[in-house]
Amino acid sequence: MLHVRVISPAARTEEVLRIAADCPAVVNVLKLPGAAYDPEGDVVEFDVAREGANSVLADLRALGLKDTGGISVEQLDLSISSAAEVAEQITPGDAEDAVVWEELSARTAAETRMTWSYFAFLALAVQIAAIGALLDQPILIVGAMVLGPDFGPVAAMCFGVLQRNLRLIGAAAVTLAAGFAVAVSITLVCAIASRLMGWIEPTMLDDRPLTSFIIHPDRWSFVVAVLAGVAGILSMTARKSSALVGVFISVTTVPAAGNIAVAIALAHWDEVGASLIQLGVNLAGMIVAGIATLFVQRTMWARFGQHDIIPRSPELEGHPTSGRVSGKR
């Protein structure tokens, strides 16, 4: 179940209550007249089955409450209510499979922000991967994979394609490219400094059987990236964050970036090209798979789920949205 709180101008409150009353997925409706101070208005709260949330949120957005009031949604970890149980039973679909498009829109928009933490985690991950490549230590490569935050912008790009939102696609692409550029640059500087101090030498990249897969992209690299892309999108839409760890470990983006840096520092130019191909293959596989997965989810929910509206990214468009898709019967 999701808990929805609406701050509504008094003139709109009856419409909010009507939307809640008309949806069988909504229960436990609470009205607090005049409870809101800033912005001034009434407060309406209710619980809604996750699989029925999209139509309710779309109708609330259509009232213009984003500008005149506010809508907030949070996940309910526990709801002891017979009415809630009935609502979940009669609402078509399953909570585990339901995609709340507003939630995904907000999350992917957040993933396009170029924050210090994003750059820091990616730079640290690439440096650890570079050390793993130099020492031929797979455990360091795995650790670097887990640490890398690069799937967020990839997911945002996929969602942008689904929405045909060029601004979201562009923002995600810039964030992804800038992140790897900064991370590789920092790692390159560290690698050059290490070479000048005599800590590393070109021969360290000559024979490393345990991590040589980084510079040998092949069809399986693409296949694994595709599978990881599917798993990554499903983990986001189904709120299974633990599955993302498997996604991070499966793809060779961060190790390839780390190898690019040390290969440049040690003048292994053939490895630079191979690593770039590996990076491109993995990103392409995840993006293609992510887009396909979102299209399949939208199509399946259109055929078997409730009537939903997929919104444009609120932060990048500020527009309620795009198109209504039919749902589960």
C-alpha atoms as a PDB file:
ATOM      1  CA  MET A   1       0.000   0.000   0.000  1.00  0.00           C
ATOM      2  CA  LEU A   2       0.969   3.606  -0.583  1.00  0.00           C
ATOM      3  CA  HIS A   3       0.018   6.516   1.654  1.00  0.00           C
ATOM      4  CA  VAL A   4      -0.938   9.694  -0.178  1.00  0.00           C
ATOM      5  CA  ARG A   5      -1.171  13.132   1.413  1.00  0.00           C
ATOM      6  CA  VAL A   6      -2.758  15.936  -0.555  1.00  0.00           C
ATOM      7  CA  ILE A   7      -2.686  19.629   0.323  1.00  0.00           C
ATOM      8  CA  SER A   8      -5.583  21.140  -1.554  1.00  0.00           C
ATOM      9  CA  PRO A   9      -7.156  24.598  -1.840  1.00  0.00           C
ATOM     10  CA  ALA A  10     -10.593  24.494  -0.212  1.00  0.00           C
ATOM     11  CA  ALA A  11     -12.223  24.963  -3.613  1.00  0.00           C
ATOM     12  CA  ARG A  12     -10.590  21.766  -4.903  1.00  0.00           C
ATOM     13  CA  THR A  13     -11.058  19.533  -1.868  1.00  0.00           C
ATOM     14  CA  GLU A  14     -14.378  18.050  -2.953  1.00  0.00           C
ATOM     15  CA  GLU A  15     -12.831  17.058  -6.278  1.00  0.00           C
ATOM     16  CA  VAL A  16      -9.952  15.393  -4.431  1.00  0.00           C
ATOM     17  CA  LEU A  17     -12.424  13.477  -2.266  1.00  0.00           C
ATOM     18  CA  ARG A  18     -14.390  12.473  -5.339  1.00  0.00           C
ATOM     19  CA  ILE A  19     -11.263  11.080  -7.007  1.00  0.00           C
ATOM     20  CA  ALA A  20     -10.521   9.066  -3.870  1.00  0.00           C
ATOM     21  CA  ALA A  21     -14.116   7.858  -3.557  1.00  0.00           C
ATOM     22  CA  ASP A  22     -14.349   6.801  -7.201  1.00  0.00           C
ATOM     23  CA  CYS A  23     -11.277   4.553  -7.030  1.00  0.00           C
ATOM     24  CA  PRO A  24     -11.806   1.103  -5.464  1.00  0.00           C
ATOM     25  CA  ALA A  25      -8.086   0.904  -4.706  1.00  0.00           C
ATOM     26  CA  VAL A  26      -8.376   3.797  -2.221  1.00  0.00           C
ATOM     27  CA  VAL A  27      -9.202   3.260   1.469  1.00  0.00           C
ATOM     28  CA  ASN A  28      -8.896   5.027   4.818  1.00  0.00           C
ATOM     29  CA  VAL A  29      -9.699   8.506   3.537  1.00  0.00           C
ATOM     30  CA  LEU A  30      -9.015  11.332   5.982  1.00  0.00           C
ATOM     31  CA  LYS A  31     -10.114  14.967   5.570  1.00  0.00           C
ATOM     32  CA  LEU A  32      -8.601  17.758   7.680  1.00  0.00           C
ATOM     33  CA  PRO A  33     -10.339  21.040   6.794  1.00  0.00           C
ATOM     34  CA  GLY A  34      -8.067  24.063   7.046  1.00  0.00           C
ATOM     35  CA  ALA A  35      -5.172  21.985   8.417  1.00  0.00           C
ATOM     36  CA  ALA A  36      -2.618  23.259   5.906  1.00  0.00           C
ATOM     37  CA  TYR A  37      -0.874  26.524   6.799  1.00  0.00           C
ATOM     38  CA  ASP A  38       1.564  27.066   3.924  1.00  0.00           C
ATOM     39  CA  PRO A  39       0.201  26.634   1.332  1.00  0.00           C
ATOM     40  CA  GLU A  40      -3.166  27.388   2.915  1.00  0.00           C
ATOM     41  CA  GLY A  41      -5.868  24.816   2.398  1.00  0.00           C
ATOM     42  CA  ASP A  42      -7.234  21.456   3.428  1.00  0.00           C
ATOM     43  CA  VAL A  43      -5.367  18.199   3.911  1.00  0.00           C
ATOM     44  CA  VAL A  44      -6.681  14.940   2.501  1.00  0.00           C
ATOM     45  CA  GLU A  45      -4.911  11.659   3.232  1.00  0.00           C
ATOM     46  CA  PHE A  46      -5.650   8.149   2.089  1.00  0.00           C
ATOM     47  CA  ASP A  47      -4.103   4.762   1.396  1.00  0.00           C
ATOM     48  CA  VAL A  48      -4.103   3.286  -2.092  1.00  0.00           C
ATOM     49  CA  ALA A  49      -3.124  -0.120  -3.440  1.00  0.00           C
ATOM     50  CA  ARG A  50       0.137   0.259  -5.338  1.00  0.00           C
ATOM     51  CA  GLU A  51      -1.263  -1.338  -8.467  1.00  0.00           C
ATOM     52  CA  GLY A  52      -4.062   1.248  -8.571  1.00  0.00           C
ATOM     53  CA  ALA A  53      -1.995   4.326  -7.758  1.00  0.00           C
ATOM     54  CA  ASN A  54      -1.215   5.575 -11.258  1.00  0.00           C
ATOM     55  CA  SER A  55      -4.738   6.608 -12.225  1.00  0.00           C
ATOM     56  CA  VAL A  56      -5.315   8.325  -8.867  1.00  0.00           C
ATOM     57  CA  LEU A  57      -2.072  10.293  -9.032  1.00  0.00           C
ATOM     58  CA  ALA A  58      -2.748  11.274 -12.632  1.00  0.00           C
ATOM     59  CA  ASP A  59      -6.204  12.609 -11.744  1.00  0.00           C
ATOM     60  CA  LEU A  60      -4.785  14.547  -8.793  1.00  0.00           C
ATOM     61  CA  ARG A  61      -2.097  16.108 -10.994  1.00  0.00           C
ATOM     62  CA  ALA A  62      -4.779  17.102 -13.478  1.00  0.00           C
ATOM     63  CA  LEU A  63      -6.326  19.303 -10.765  1.00  0.00           C
ATOM     64  CA  GLY A  64      -3.207  21.466 -10.802  1.00  0.00           C
ATOM     65  CA  LEU A  65      -2.329  20.602  -7.207  1.00  0.00           C
ATOM     66  CA  LYS A  66       1.366  20.647  -8.012  1.00  0.00           C
ATOM     67  CA  ASP A  67       1.135  24.437  -8.267  1.00  0.00           C
ATOM     68  CA  THR A  68      -1.705  25.218  -5.850  1.00  0.00           C
ATOM     69  CA  GLY A  69      -0.992  22.662  -3.153  1.00  0.00           C
ATOM     70  CA  GLY A  70       1.037  19.484  -3.032  1.00  0.00           C
ATOM     71  CA  ILE A  71       0.959  15.715  -3.407  1.00  0.00           C
ATOM     72  CA  SER A  72       3.286  13.440  -1.456  1.00  0.00           C
ATOM     73  CA  VAL A  73       3.455   9.660  -1.590  1.00  0.00           C
ATOM     74  CA  GLU A  74       5.209   7.208   0.695  1.00  0.00           C
ATOM     75  CA  GLN A  75       5.429   3.448   0.926  1.00  0.00           C
ATOM     76  CA  LEU A  76       3.528   1.783   3.773  1.00  0.00           C
ATOM     77  CA  ASP A  77       5.575  -1.092   5.177  1.00  0.00           C
ATOM     78  CA  LEU A  78       2.678  -2.262   7.346  1.00  0.00           C
ATOM     79  CA  SER A  79      -1.046  -1.651   7.068  1.00  0.00           C
ATOM     80  CA  ILE A  80      -3.362  -3.490   9.456  1.00  0.00           C
ATOM     81  CA  SER A  81      -6.696  -2.915   7.787  1.00  0.00           C
ATOM     82  CA  SER A  82      -9.350  -5.225   6.396  1.00  0.00           C
ATOM     83  CA  ALA A  83     -10.411  -2.500   3.987  1.00  0.00           C
ATOM     84  CA  ALA A  84      -6.845  -2.282   2.678  1.00  0.00           C
ATOM     85  CA  GLU A  85      -6.731  -6.042   2.185  1.00  0.00           C
ATOM     86  CA  VAL A  86      -9.976  -5.944   0.214  1.00  0.00           C
ATOM     87  CA  ALA A  87      -8.712  -3.028  -1.894  1.00  0.00           C
ATOM     88  CA  GLU A  88      -5.578  -4.948  -2.832  1.00  0.00           C
ATOM     89  CA  GLN A  89      -7.635  -8.034  -3.685  1.00  0.00           C
ATOM     90  CA  ILE A  90     -10.114  -6.274  -5.957  1.00  0.00           C
ATOM     91  CA  THR A  91      -7.556  -4.051  -7.686  1.00  0.00           C
ATOM     92  CA  PRO A  92      -6.282  -5.701 -10.891  1.00  0.00           C
ATOM     93  CA  GLY A  93      -2.606  -6.568 -10.972  1.00  0.00           C
ATOM     94  CA  ASP A  94      -0.080  -7.339  -8.281  1.00  0.00           C
ATOM     95  CA  ALA A  95       1.776  -4.879  -6.074  1.00  0.00           C
ATOM     96  CA  GLU A  96       5.096  -6.577  -6.849  1.00  0.00           C
ATOM     97  CA  ASP A  97       4.614  -6.084 -10.580  1.00  0.00           C
ATOM     98  CA  ALA A  98       2.986  -2.657 -10.537  1.00  0.00           C
ATOM     99  CA  VAL A  99       5.064   0.232 -11.829  1.00  0.00           C
ATOM    100  CA  VAL A 100       4.179   3.558 -10.238  1.00  0.00           C
ATOM    101  CA  TRP A 101       5.237   5.803 -13.091  1.00  0.00           C
ATOM    102  CA  GLU A 102       5.291   8.971 -10.993  1.00  0.00           C
ATOM    103  CA  GLU A 103       7.702   7.279  -8.592  1.00  0.00           C
ATOM    104  CA  LEU A 104       9.948   6.026 -11.393  1.00  0.00           C
ATOM    105  CA  SER A 105       9.839   9.428 -13.067  1.00  0.00           C
ATOM    106  CA  ALA A 106      10.995  11.196  -9.906  1.00  0.00           C
ATOM    107  CA  ARG A 107      13.683   8.605  -9.235  1.00  0.00           C
ATOM    108  CA  THR A 108      15.166   8.687 -12.717  1.00  0.00           C
ATOM    109  CA  ALA A 109      15.111  12.489 -12.745  1.00  0.00           C
ATOM    110  CA  ALA A 110      17.135  12.414  -9.528  1.00  0.00           C
ATOM    111  CA  GLU A 111      19.654  10.065 -11.150  1.00  0.00           C
ATOM    112  CA  THR A 112      20.544  12.703 -13.750  1.00  0.00           C
ATOM    113  CA  ARG A 113      21.906  15.128 -11.162  1.00  0.00           C
ATOM    114  CA  MET A 114      25.671  15.588 -11.217  1.00  0.00           C
ATOM    115  CA  THR A 115      26.322  15.536  -7.482  1.00  0.00           C
ATOM    116  CA  TRP A 116      29.606  15.381  -5.617  1.00  0.00           C
ATOM    117  CA  SER A 117      28.669  11.983  -4.213  1.00  0.00           C
ATOM    118  CA  TYR A 118      28.051  10.622  -7.724  1.00  0.00           C
ATOM    119  CA  PHE A 119      31.457  11.795  -8.952  1.00  0.00           C
ATOM    120  CA  ALA A 120      33.160  10.615  -5.756  1.00  0.00           C
ATOM    121  CA  PHE A 121      31.721   7.090  -5.839  1.00  0.00           C
ATOM    122  CA  LEU A 122      32.438   6.650  -9.549  1.00  0.00           C
ATOM    123  CA  ALA A 123      35.992   7.995  -9.192  1.00  0.00           C
ATOM    124  CA  LEU A 124      36.666   5.704  -6.237  1.00  0.00           C
ATOM    125  CA  ALA A 125      35.193   2.730  -8.086  1.00  0.00           C
ATOM    126  CA  VAL A 126      37.300   3.373 -11.196  1.00  0.00           C
ATOM    127  CA  GLN A 127      40.465   3.758  -9.111  1.00  0.00           C
ATOM    128  CA  ILE A 128      39.810   0.484  -7.286  1.00  0.00           C
ATOM    129  CA  ALA A 129      39.181  -1.194 -10.644  1.00  0.00           C
ATOM    130  CA  ALA A 130      42.442   0.217 -11.986  1.00  0.00           C
ATOM    131  CA  ILE A 131      44.357  -1.202  -9.030  1.00  0.00           C
ATOM    132  CA  GLY A 132      42.594  -4.529  -9.528  1.00  0.00           C
ATOM    133  CA  ALA A 133      43.672  -4.567 -13.176  1.00  0.00           C
ATOM    134  CA  LEU A 134      47.275  -3.746 -12.280  1.00  0.00           C
ATOM    135  CA  LEU A 135      47.470  -6.401  -9.568  1.00  0.00           C
ATOM    136  CA  ASP A 136      45.341  -8.930 -11.468  1.00  0.00           C
ATOM    137  CA  GLN A 137      42.978  -9.186  -8.497  1.00  0.00           C
ATOM    138  CA  PRO A 138      39.379 -10.128  -9.423  1.00  0.00           C
ATOM    139  CA  ILE A 139      38.153  -9.389  -5.895  1.00  0.00           C
ATOM    140  CA  LEU A 140      39.100  -5.739  -6.338  1.00  0.00           C
ATOM    141  CA  ILE A 141      37.344  -5.676  -9.702  1.00  0.00           C
ATOM    142  CA  VAL A 142      34.171  -7.038  -8.108  1.00  0.00           C
ATOM    143  CA  GLY A 143      34.383  -4.482  -5.313  1.00  0.00           C
ATOM    144  CA  ALA A 144      34.729  -1.690  -7.844  1.00  0.00           C
ATOM    145  CA  MET A 145      31.724  -2.970  -9.780  1.00  0.00           C
ATOM    146  CA  VAL A 146      29.528  -2.886  -6.677  1.00  0.00           C
ATOM    147  CA  LEU A 147      30.654   0.632  -5.789  1.00  0.00           C
ATOM    148  CA  GLY A 148      29.980   2.189  -9.193  1.00  0.00           C
ATOM    149  CA  PRO A 149      26.819   4.366  -9.436  1.00  0.00           C
ATOM    150  CA  ASP A 150      26.666   4.382 -13.231  1.00  0.00           C
ATOM    151  CA  PHE A 151      23.429   2.410 -13.638  1.00  0.00           C
ATOM    152  CA  GLY A 152      21.317   5.322 -12.395  1.00  0.00           C
ATOM    153  CA  PRO A 153      21.930   7.550 -15.438  1.00  0.00           C
ATOM    154  CA  VAL A 154      21.526   4.513 -17.705  1.00  0.00           C
ATOM    155  CA  ALA A 155      18.069   3.854 -16.223  1.00  0.00           C
ATOM    156  CA  ALA A 156      17.175   7.532 -16.596  1.00  0.00           C
ATOM    157  CA  MET A 157      18.176   7.420 -20.262  1.00  0.00           C
ATOM    158  CA  CYS A 158      15.968   4.373 -20.827  1.00  0.00           C
ATOM    159  CA  PHE A 159      12.998   6.057 -19.165  1.00  0.00           C
ATOM    160  CA  GLY A 160      13.623   9.170 -21.227  1.00  0.00           C
ATOM    161  CA  VAL A 161      13.399   7.111 -24.424  1.00  0.00           C
ATOM    162  CA  LEU A 162      10.136   5.564 -23.202  1.00  0.00           C
ATOM    163  CA  GLN A 163       8.719   9.054 -22.655  1.00  0.00           C
ATOM    164  CA  ARG A 164      10.336  10.532 -25.780  1.00  0.00           C
ATOM    165  CA  ASN A 165      11.765  13.113 -23.396  1.00  0.00           C
ATOM    166  CA  LEU A 166      14.858  14.506 -25.087  1.00  0.00           C
ATOM    167  CA  ARG A 167      15.741  16.667 -22.086  1.00  0.00           C
ATOM    168  CA  LEU A 168      15.841  13.653 -19.777  1.00  0.00           C
ATOM    169  CA  ILE A 169      17.840  11.612 -22.300  1.00  0.00           C
ATOM    170  CA  GLY A 170      20.314  14.448 -22.756  1.00  0.00           C
ATOM    171  CA  ALA A 171      20.689  15.088 -19.033  1.00  0.00           C
ATOM    172  CA  ALA A 172      21.285  11.387 -18.355  1.00  0.00           C
ATOM    173  CA  ALA A 173      23.819  11.081 -21.193  1.00  0.00           C
ATOM    174  CA  VAL A 174      25.734  14.146 -20.002  1.00  0.00           C
ATOM    175  CA  THR A 175      25.774  12.871 -16.412  1.00  0.00           C
ATOM    176  CA  LEU A 176      27.026   9.457 -17.528  1.00  0.00           C
ATOM    177  CA  ALA A 177      29.705  10.857 -19.845  1.00  0.00           C
ATOM    178  CA  ALA A 178      30.855  13.481 -17.347  1.00  0.00           C
ATOM    179  CA  GLY A 179      31.051  10.906 -14.582  1.00  0.00           C
ATOM    180  CA  PHE A 180      33.293   8.558 -16.537  1.00  0.00           C
ATOM    181  CA  ALA A 181      35.385  11.426 -17.911  1.00  0.00           C
ATOM    182  CA  VAL A 182      36.075  12.784 -14.430  1.00  0.00           C
ATOM    183  CA  ALA A 183      36.666   9.332 -12.940  1.00  0.00           C
ATOM    184  CA  VAL A 184      39.080   8.276 -15.700  1.00  0.00           C
ATOM    185  CA  SER A 185      40.907  11.611 -15.522  1.00  0.00           C
ATOM    186  CA  ILE A 186      41.423  11.364 -11.762  1.00  0.00           C
ATOM    187  CA  THR A 187      42.564   7.760 -12.073  1.00  0.00           C
ATOM    188  CA  LEU A 188      44.905   8.677 -14.926  1.00  0.00           C
ATOM    189  CA  VAL A 189      46.550  11.409 -12.857  1.00  0.00           C
ATOM    190  CA  CYS A 190      47.011   8.985  -9.960  1.00  0.00           C
ATOM    191  CA  ALA A 191      48.410   6.326 -12.301  1.00  0.00           C
ATOM    192  CA  ILE A 192      50.914   8.754 -13.841  1.00  0.00           C
ATOM    193  CA  ALA A 193      52.004   9.860 -10.372  1.00  0.00           C
ATOM    194  CA  SER A 194      52.387   6.226  -9.318  1.00  0.00           C
ATOM    195  CA  ARG A 195      54.519   5.499 -12.382  1.00  0.00           C
ATOM    196  CA  LEU A 196      56.758   8.483 -11.681  1.00  0.00           C
ATOM    197  CA  MET A 197      57.242   7.215  -8.128  1.00  0.00           C
ATOM    198  CA  GLY A 198      58.111   3.760  -9.415  1.00  0.00           C
ATOM    199  CA  TRP A 199      55.086   2.067  -7.895  1.00  0.00           C
ATOM    200  CA  ILE A 200      53.795   0.724 -11.209  1.00  0.00           C
ATOM    201  CA  GLU A 201      55.453  -0.181 -14.508  1.00  0.00           C
ATOM    202  CA  PRO A 202      54.291  -1.197 -18.010  1.00  0.00           C
ATOM    203  CA  THR A 203      55.038  -4.892 -17.473  1.00  0.00           C
ATOM    204  CA  MET A 204      52.250  -5.088 -14.880  1.00  0.00           C
ATOM    205  CA  LEU A 205      49.695  -5.150 -17.696  1.00  0.00           C
ATOM    206  CA  ASP A 206      51.517  -7.767 -19.774  1.00  0.00           C
ATOM    207  CA  ASP A 207      50.359 -10.958 -18.072  1.00  0.00           C
ATOM    208  CA  ARG A 208      47.166 -10.930 -16.008  1.00  0.00           C
ATOM    209  CA  PRO A 209      45.046 -13.999 -16.773  1.00  0.00           C
ATOM    210  CA  LEU A 210      42.456 -13.344 -14.052  1.00  0.00           C
ATOM    211  CA  THR A 211      41.375  -9.912 -15.291  1.00  0.00           C
ATOM    212  CA  SER A 212      42.133 -10.137 -19.003  1.00  0.00           C
ATOM    213  CA  PHE A 213      38.397 -10.347 -19.741  1.00  0.00           C
ATOM    214  CA  ILE A 214      38.330  -6.555 -19.416  1.00  0.00           C
ATOM    215  CA  ILE A 215      40.221  -6.147 -22.687  1.00  0.00           C
ATOM    216  CA  HIS A 216      38.490  -8.959 -24.549  1.00  0.00           C
ATOM    217  CA  PRO A 217      34.955  -7.799 -25.355  1.00  0.00           C
ATOM    218  CA  ASP A 218      32.913 -10.361 -27.247  1.00  0.00           C
ATOM    219  CA  ARG A 219      29.328 -11.412 -27.885  1.00  0.00           C
ATOM    220  CA  TRP A 220      28.999 -12.634 -24.311  1.00  0.00           C
ATOM    221  CA  SER A 221      29.873  -9.186 -23.017  1.00  0.00           C
ATOM    222  CA  PHE A 222      26.827  -7.844 -24.835  1.00  0.00           C
ATOM    223  CA  VAL A 223      24.593 -10.740 -23.758  1.00  0.00           C
ATOM    224  CA  VAL A 224      25.514 -10.294 -20.094  1.00  0.00           C
ATOM    225  CA  ALA A 225      24.984  -6.529 -20.368  1.00  0.00           C
ATOM    226  CA  VAL A 226      21.527  -7.108 -21.861  1.00  0.00           C
ATOM    227  CA  LEU A 227      20.556  -9.490 -19.066  1.00  0.00           C
ATOM    228  CA  ALA A 228      21.932  -7.091 -16.476  1.00  0.00           C
ATOM    229  CA  GLY A 229      19.977  -4.225 -18.045  1.00  0.00           C
ATOM    230  CA  VAL A 230      16.729  -6.173 -17.788  1.00  0.00           C
ATOM    231  CA  ALA A 231      17.455  -7.097 -14.178  1.00  0.00           C
ATOM    232  CA  GLY A 232      18.401  -3.532 -13.322  1.00  0.00           C
ATOM    233  CA  ILE A 233      15.177  -2.001 -14.631  1.00  0.00           C
ATOM    234  CA  LEU A 234      13.079  -4.704 -12.981  1.00  0.00           C
ATOM    235  CA  SER A 235      14.849  -4.123  -9.669  1.00  0.00           C
ATOM    236  CA  MET A 236      13.992  -0.417  -9.871  1.00  0.00           C
ATOM    237  CA  THR A 237      10.366  -0.820 -10.896  1.00  0.00           C
ATOM    238  CA  ALA A 238       9.737  -3.650  -8.424  1.00  0.00           C
ATOM    239  CA  ARG A 239      11.647  -1.892  -5.617  1.00  0.00           C
ATOM    240  CA  LYS A 240      14.088  -4.818  -5.267  1.00  0.00           C
ATOM    241  CA  SER A 241      17.227  -2.834  -4.533  1.00  0.00           C
ATOM    242  CA  SER A 242      19.185  -5.933  -3.496  1.00  0.00           C
ATOM    243  CA  ALA A 243      19.037  -7.179  -7.090  1.00  0.00           C
ATOM    244  CA  LEU A 244      20.961  -4.109  -8.246  1.00  0.00           C
ATOM    245  CA  VAL A 245      24.101  -5.506  -6.631  1.00  0.00           C
ATOM    246  CA  GLY A 246      23.987  -8.385  -9.089  1.00  0.00           C
ATOM    247  CA  VAL A 247      23.605  -5.913 -11.933  1.00  0.00           C
ATOM    248  CA  PHE A 248      26.656  -3.945 -10.830  1.00  0.00           C
ATOM    249  CA  ILE A 249      28.766  -7.104 -10.571  1.00  0.00           C
ATOM    250  CA  SER A 250      27.654  -8.374 -13.984  1.00  0.00           C
ATOM    251  CA  VAL A 251      28.661  -5.463 -16.203  1.00  0.00           C
ATOM    252  CA  THR A 252      32.197  -4.418 -17.063  1.00  0.00           C
ATOM    253  CA  THR A 253      31.762  -0.650 -17.300  1.00  0.00           C
ATOM    254  CA  VAL A 254      33.778   0.420 -14.262  1.00  0.00           C
ATOM    255  CA  PRO A 255      36.606  -2.112 -14.832  1.00  0.00           C
ATOM    256  CA  ALA A 256      36.878  -0.961 -18.452  1.00  0.00           C
ATOM    257  CA  ALA A 257      37.106   2.674 -17.349  1.00  0.00           C
ATOM    258  CA  GLY A 258      39.795   1.820 -14.810  1.00  0.00           C
ATOM    259  CA  ASN A 259      41.770  -0.098 -17.401  1.00  0.00           C
ATOM    260  CA  ILE A 260      41.580   2.839 -19.824  1.00  0.00           C
ATOM    261  CA  ALA A 261      43.288   5.074 -17.274  1.00  0.00           C
ATOM    262  CA  VAL A 262      46.161   2.727 -16.402  1.00  0.00           C
ATOM    263  CA  ALA A 263      46.629   1.663 -20.025  1.00  0.00           C
ATOM    264  CA  ILE A 264      47.122   5.298 -21.036  1.00  0.00           C
ATOM    265  CA  ALA A 265      49.506   5.908 -18.142  1.00  0.00           C
ATOM    266  CA  LEU A 266      51.561   2.833 -19.049  1.00  0.00           C
ATOM    267  CA  ALA A 267      51.348   3.376 -22.831  1.00  0.00           C
ATOM    268  CA  HIS A 268      49.430   0.166 -23.578  1.00  0.00           C
ATOM    269  CA  TRP A 269      47.530   1.781 -26.413  1.00  0.00           C
ATOM    270  CA  ASP A 270      45.993  -1.425 -27.735  1.00  0.00           C
ATOM    271  CA  GLU A 271      44.323  -1.951 -24.358  1.00  0.00           C
ATOM    272  CA  VAL A 272      42.898   1.556 -24.425  1.00  0.00           C
ATOM    273  CA  GLY A 273      40.958   0.756 -27.578  1.00  0.00           C
ATOM    274  CA  ALA A 274      39.829  -2.645 -26.317  1.00  0.00           C
ATOM    275  CA  SER A 275      38.666  -1.149 -23.027  1.00  0.00           C
ATOM    276  CA  LEU A 276      36.726   1.582 -24.822  1.00  0.00           C
ATOM    277  CA  ILE A 277      34.967  -1.079 -26.885  1.00  0.00           C
ATOM    278  CA  GLN A 278      34.197  -3.050 -23.725  1.00  0.00           C
ATOM    279  CA  LEU A 279      32.742   0.054 -22.085  1.00  0.00           C
ATOM    280  CA  GLY A 280      30.648   0.864 -25.148  1.00  0.00           C
ATOM    281  CA  VAL A 281      29.374  -2.699 -25.556  1.00  0.00           C
ATOM    282  CA  ASN A 282      28.258  -2.891 -21.931  1.00  0.00           C
ATOM    283  CA  LEU A 283      26.551   0.496 -21.946  1.00  0.00           C
ATOM    284  CA  ALA A 284      24.817  -0.271 -25.240  1.00  0.00           C
ATOM    285  CA  GLY A 285      23.610  -3.632 -23.961  1.00  0.00           C
ATOM    286  CA  MET A 286      22.164  -2.140 -20.782  1.00  0.00           C
ATOM    287  CA  ILE A 287      20.483   0.745 -22.598  1.00  0.00           C
ATOM    288  CA  VAL A 288      18.894  -1.456 -25.270  1.00  0.00           C
ATOM    289  CA  ALA A 289      17.687  -3.954 -22.677  1.00  0.00           C
ATOM    290  CA  GLY A 290      16.447  -1.250 -20.330  1.00  0.00           C
ATOM    291  CA  ILE A 291      14.390   0.438 -23.035  1.00  0.00           C
ATOM    292  CA  ALA A 292      12.927  -2.884 -24.165  1.00  0.00           C
ATOM    293  CA  THR A 293      12.064  -3.866 -20.592  1.00  0.00           C
ATOM    294  CA  LEU A 294      10.212  -0.607 -19.921  1.00  0.00           C
ATOM    295  CA  PHE A 295       8.285  -0.925 -23.182  1.00  0.00           C
ATOM    296  CA  VAL A 296       7.295  -4.494 -22.281  1.00  0.00           C
ATOM    297  CA  GLN A 297       6.207  -3.429 -18.795  1.00  0.00           C
ATOM    298  CA  ARG A 298       4.125  -0.586 -20.191  1.00  0.00           C
ATOM    299  CA  THR A 299       2.547  -2.866 -22.774  1.00  0.00           C
ATOM    300  CA  MET A 300       1.810  -5.638 -20.278  1.00  0.00           C
ATOM    301  CA  TRP A 301       0.347  -3.220 -17.742  1.00  0.00           C
ATOM    302  CA  ALA A 302      -1.696  -1.623 -20.523  1.00  0.00           C
ATOM    303  CA  ARG A 303      -3.173  -4.997 -21.364  1.00  0.00           C
ATOM    304  CA  PHE A 304      -3.455  -6.587 -17.936  1.00  0.00           C
ATOM    305  CA  GLY A 305      -3.350  -3.700 -15.461  1.00  0.00           C
ATOM    306  CA  GLN A 306      -5.447  -0.674 -14.557  1.00  0.00           C
ATOM    307  CA  HIS A 307      -5.672   2.471 -16.677  1.00  0.00           C
ATOM    308  CA  ASP A 308      -2.471   4.356 -16.072  1.00  0.00           C
ATOM    309  CA  ILE A 309      -0.854   7.571 -17.186  1.00  0.00           C
ATOM    310  CA  ILE A 310       2.867   7.757 -17.668  1.00  0.00           C
ATOM    311  CA  PRO A 311       3.957  11.256 -16.612  1.00  0.00           C
ATOM    312  CA  ARG A 312       6.767  13.321 -17.942  1.00  0.00           C
ATOM    313  CA  SER A 313       9.646  13.768 -15.557  1.00  0.00           C
ATOM    314  CA  PRO A 314       8.356  16.360 -13.055  1.00  0.00           C
ATOM    315  CA  GLU A 315      11.732  18.003 -12.607  1.00  0.00           C
ATOM    316  CA  LEU A 316      12.653  18.238 -16.236  1.00  0.00           C
ATOM    317  CA  GLU A 317       9.260  18.894 -17.783  1.00  0.00           C
ATOM    318  CA  GLY A 318       6.917  20.084 -15.065  1.00  0.00           C
ATOM    319  CA  HIS A 319       4.054  18.925 -17.196  1.00  0.00           C
ATOM    320  CA  PRO A 320       1.410  16.343 -16.147  1.00  0.00           C
ATOM    321  CA  THR A 321       1.590  14.119 -19.071  1.00  0.00           C
ATOM    322  CA  SER A 322       1.771  12.159 -22.023  1.00  0.00           C
ATOM    323  CA  GLY A 323      -0.532   9.395 -22.760  1.00  0.00           C
ATOM    324  CA  ARG A 324      -3.067   7.202 -21.120  1.00  0.00           C
ATOM    325  CA  VAL A 325      -2.583   3.513 -21.556  1.00  0.00           C
ATOM    326  CA  SER A 326      -5.272   0.998 -20.951  1.00  0.00           C
ATOM    327  CA  GLY A 327      -4.910  -1.538 -18.247  1.00  0.00           C
ATOM    328  CA  LYS A 328      -5.643  -4.903 -16.746  1.00  0.00           C
ATOM    329  CA  ARG A 329      -9.002  -6.320 -17.278  1.00  0.00           C
END
